[in-house]
Each structure stands twice: as C-alpha cells, then as structure tokens.
Amino acid sequence: MSKAHRGTGVRTEFNHGRGKCPRCGTENVKVLYEKEIDGNTVKICKRCNAELKNIAKKEARASKAAAAAAAPAEEAPAEA
C-alpha cells in the first residue's frame, strides 16, 4: 500500500520541522513537540519529550505512594 501522506504535517513547517532541540542541544533533529519549560513554550525533540513524560510519571507515582502511606497513618488513631 502507498504511504503518500506520511509526513504531510511536517512539510509545511520551516526546514521540515528540523532544528536544534533547546533542551538537549542536539542539532538537525525533528523538533515537533511543544512543551512549557521555565514558563516558555518551546518545541523539543522526541527523546526529550519522552524523558519529560517519564519524569512526570515517576513524580505522580511517588506522590501517590506518599499519599497512600499518609492515609493509613491518619486513620489508625481514629479507630483506636
């Protein structure tokens, strides 16, 4: 089957979406993912986008575990 429409969204962007990632400094990579870093919205590469998602996922798990550990401690004196 034909893949004629692959990459059509990138063709309209300057340099076909390629440039330097402001986060990692890698040059000539596709910078397609918009993220807010230090109050500025910038376009970053795929690897940095995945890394930021993984960091957010780890922080969410840690806060959920901390909340779960604090909840039984609050309930214990009420039952006694």
C-alpha atoms as a PDB file:
ATOM      1  CA  MET A   1       0.000   0.000   0.000  1.00  0.00           C
ATOM      2  CA  SER A   2       1.089   3.546  -0.687  1.00  0.00           C
ATOM      3  CA  LYS A   3       2.375   5.827   2.033  1.00  0.00           C
ATOM      4  CA  ALA A   4       1.877   9.100   0.162  1.00  0.00           C
ATOM      5  CA  HIS A   5       0.580  11.055   3.168  1.00  0.00           C
ATOM      6  CA  ARG A   6       3.390  10.214   5.554  1.00  0.00           C
ATOM      7  CA  GLY A   7       4.924  13.396   6.977  1.00  0.00           C
ATOM      8  CA  THR A   8       2.481  15.832   5.380  1.00  0.00           C
ATOM      9  CA  GLY A   9       2.086  17.766   8.634  1.00  0.00           C
ATOM     10  CA  VAL A  10       5.810  18.404   8.827  1.00  0.00           C
ATOM     11  CA  ARG A  11       6.204  19.579   5.252  1.00  0.00           C
ATOM     12  CA  THR A  12       4.572  22.923   5.981  1.00  0.00           C
ATOM     13  CA  GLU A  13       6.958  23.752   8.838  1.00  0.00           C
ATOM     14  CA  PHE A  14      10.247  25.570   8.408  1.00  0.00           C
ATOM     15  CA  ASN A  15      13.042  23.169   7.441  1.00  0.00           C
ATOM     16  CA  HIS A  16      10.516  20.315   7.575  1.00  0.00           C
ATOM     17  CA  GLY A  17      10.460  20.512  11.374  1.00  0.00           C
ATOM     18  CA  ARG A  18      14.183  20.015  11.788  1.00  0.00           C
ATOM     19  CA  GLY A  19      16.339  22.147  14.011  1.00  0.00           C
ATOM     20  CA  LYS A  20      18.198  22.249  17.300  1.00  0.00           C
ATOM     21  CA  CYS A  21      16.487  20.980  20.439  1.00  0.00           C
ATOM     22  CA  PRO A  22      16.672  23.707  23.094  1.00  0.00           C
ATOM     23  CA  ARG A  23      16.652  21.187  25.946  1.00  0.00           C
ATOM     24  CA  CYS A  24      19.366  18.696  24.960  1.00  0.00           C
ATOM     25  CA  GLY A  25      21.149  20.732  22.276  1.00  0.00           C
ATOM     26  CA  THR A  26      21.032  18.008  19.622  1.00  0.00           C
ATOM     27  CA  GLU A  27      21.182  19.505  16.149  1.00  0.00           C
ATOM     28  CA  ASN A  28      19.315  18.521  12.961  1.00  0.00           C
ATOM     29  CA  VAL A  29      16.577  16.544  14.736  1.00  0.00           C
ATOM     30  CA  LYS A  30      12.845  16.935  14.329  1.00  0.00           C
ATOM     31  CA  VAL A  31      11.601  19.364  16.969  1.00  0.00           C
ATOM     32  CA  LEU A  32       7.864  18.771  16.877  1.00  0.00           C
ATOM     33  CA  TYR A  33       6.663  18.542  20.479  1.00  0.00           C
ATOM     34  CA  GLU A  34       5.585  21.751  22.194  1.00  0.00           C
ATOM     35  CA  LYS A  35       6.296  21.813  25.933  1.00  0.00           C
ATOM     36  CA  GLU A  36       6.392  24.555  28.515  1.00  0.00           C
ATOM     37  CA  ILE A  37       9.854  24.837  30.031  1.00  0.00           C
ATOM     38  CA  ASP A  38      10.640  27.608  32.521  1.00  0.00           C
ATOM     39  CA  GLY A  39       7.492  29.496  31.543  1.00  0.00           C
ATOM     40  CA  ASN A  40       8.289  29.475  27.810  1.00  0.00           C
ATOM     41  CA  THR A  41       6.603  27.263  25.233  1.00  0.00           C
ATOM     42  CA  VAL A  42       9.323  25.636  23.128  1.00  0.00           C
ATOM     43  CA  LYS A  43       9.463  22.808  20.616  1.00  0.00           C
ATOM     44  CA  ILE A  44      11.593  19.861  21.730  1.00  0.00           C
ATOM     45  CA  CYS A  45      12.730  16.573  20.197  1.00  0.00           C
ATOM     46  CA  LYS A  46      11.138  13.153  20.619  1.00  0.00           C
ATOM     47  CA  ARG A  47      13.698  11.915  23.159  1.00  0.00           C
ATOM     48  CA  CYS A  48      13.286  14.941  25.409  1.00  0.00           C
ATOM     49  CA  ASN A  49       9.508  14.648  25.176  1.00  0.00           C
ATOM     50  CA  ALA A  50       9.665  11.008  26.287  1.00  0.00           C
ATOM     51  CA  GLU A  51      12.098  11.876  29.079  1.00  0.00           C
ATOM     52  CA  LEU A  52       9.802  14.613  30.418  1.00  0.00           C
ATOM     53  CA  LYS A  53       6.834  12.233  30.305  1.00  0.00           C
ATOM     54  CA  ASN A  54       8.791   9.591  32.230  1.00  0.00           C
ATOM     55  CA  ILE A  55       9.834  12.132  34.857  1.00  0.00           C
ATOM     56  CA  ALA A  56       6.220  13.248  35.285  1.00  0.00           C
ATOM     57  CA  LYS A  57       5.098   9.620  35.552  1.00  0.00           C
ATOM     58  CA  LYS A  58       7.678   8.891  38.278  1.00  0.00           C
ATOM     59  CA  GLU A  59       6.665  12.003  40.234  1.00  0.00           C
ATOM     60  CA  ALA A  60       2.990  11.013  40.007  1.00  0.00           C
ATOM     61  CA  ARG A  61       3.750   7.523  41.309  1.00  0.00           C
ATOM     62  CA  ALA A  62       5.860   8.907  44.152  1.00  0.00           C
ATOM     63  CA  SER A  63       3.180  11.385  45.225  1.00  0.00           C
ATOM     64  CA  LYS A  64       0.507   8.689  45.023  1.00  0.00           C
ATOM     65  CA  ALA A  65       2.616   6.360  47.183  1.00  0.00           C
ATOM     66  CA  ALA A  66       3.255   9.154  49.691  1.00  0.00           C
ATOM     67  CA  ALA A  67      -0.468   9.928  49.874  1.00  0.00           C
ATOM     68  CA  ALA A  68      -1.277   6.232  50.368  1.00  0.00           C
ATOM     69  CA  ALA A  69       1.315   5.945  53.142  1.00  0.00           C
ATOM     70  CA  ALA A  70      -0.054   9.039  54.893  1.00  0.00           C
ATOM     71  CA  ALA A  71      -3.700   7.947  54.681  1.00  0.00           C
ATOM     72  CA  PRO A  72      -3.449   4.819  56.904  1.00  0.00           C
ATOM     73  CA  ALA A  73      -1.447   6.801  59.463  1.00  0.00           C
ATOM     74  CA  GLU A  74      -4.326   9.264  59.753  1.00  0.00           C
ATOM     75  CA  GLU A  75      -6.937   6.503  60.008  1.00  0.00           C
ATOM     76  CA  ALA A  76      -5.176   4.448  62.686  1.00  0.00           C
ATOM     77  CA  PRO A  77      -5.731   6.818  65.671  1.00  0.00           C
ATOM     78  CA  ALA A  78      -9.389   7.292  64.756  1.00  0.00           C
ATOM     79  CA  GLU A  79     -10.058   3.541  65.003  1.00  0.00           C
ATOM     80  CA  ALA A  80      -8.284   3.038  68.334  1.00  0.00           C
END
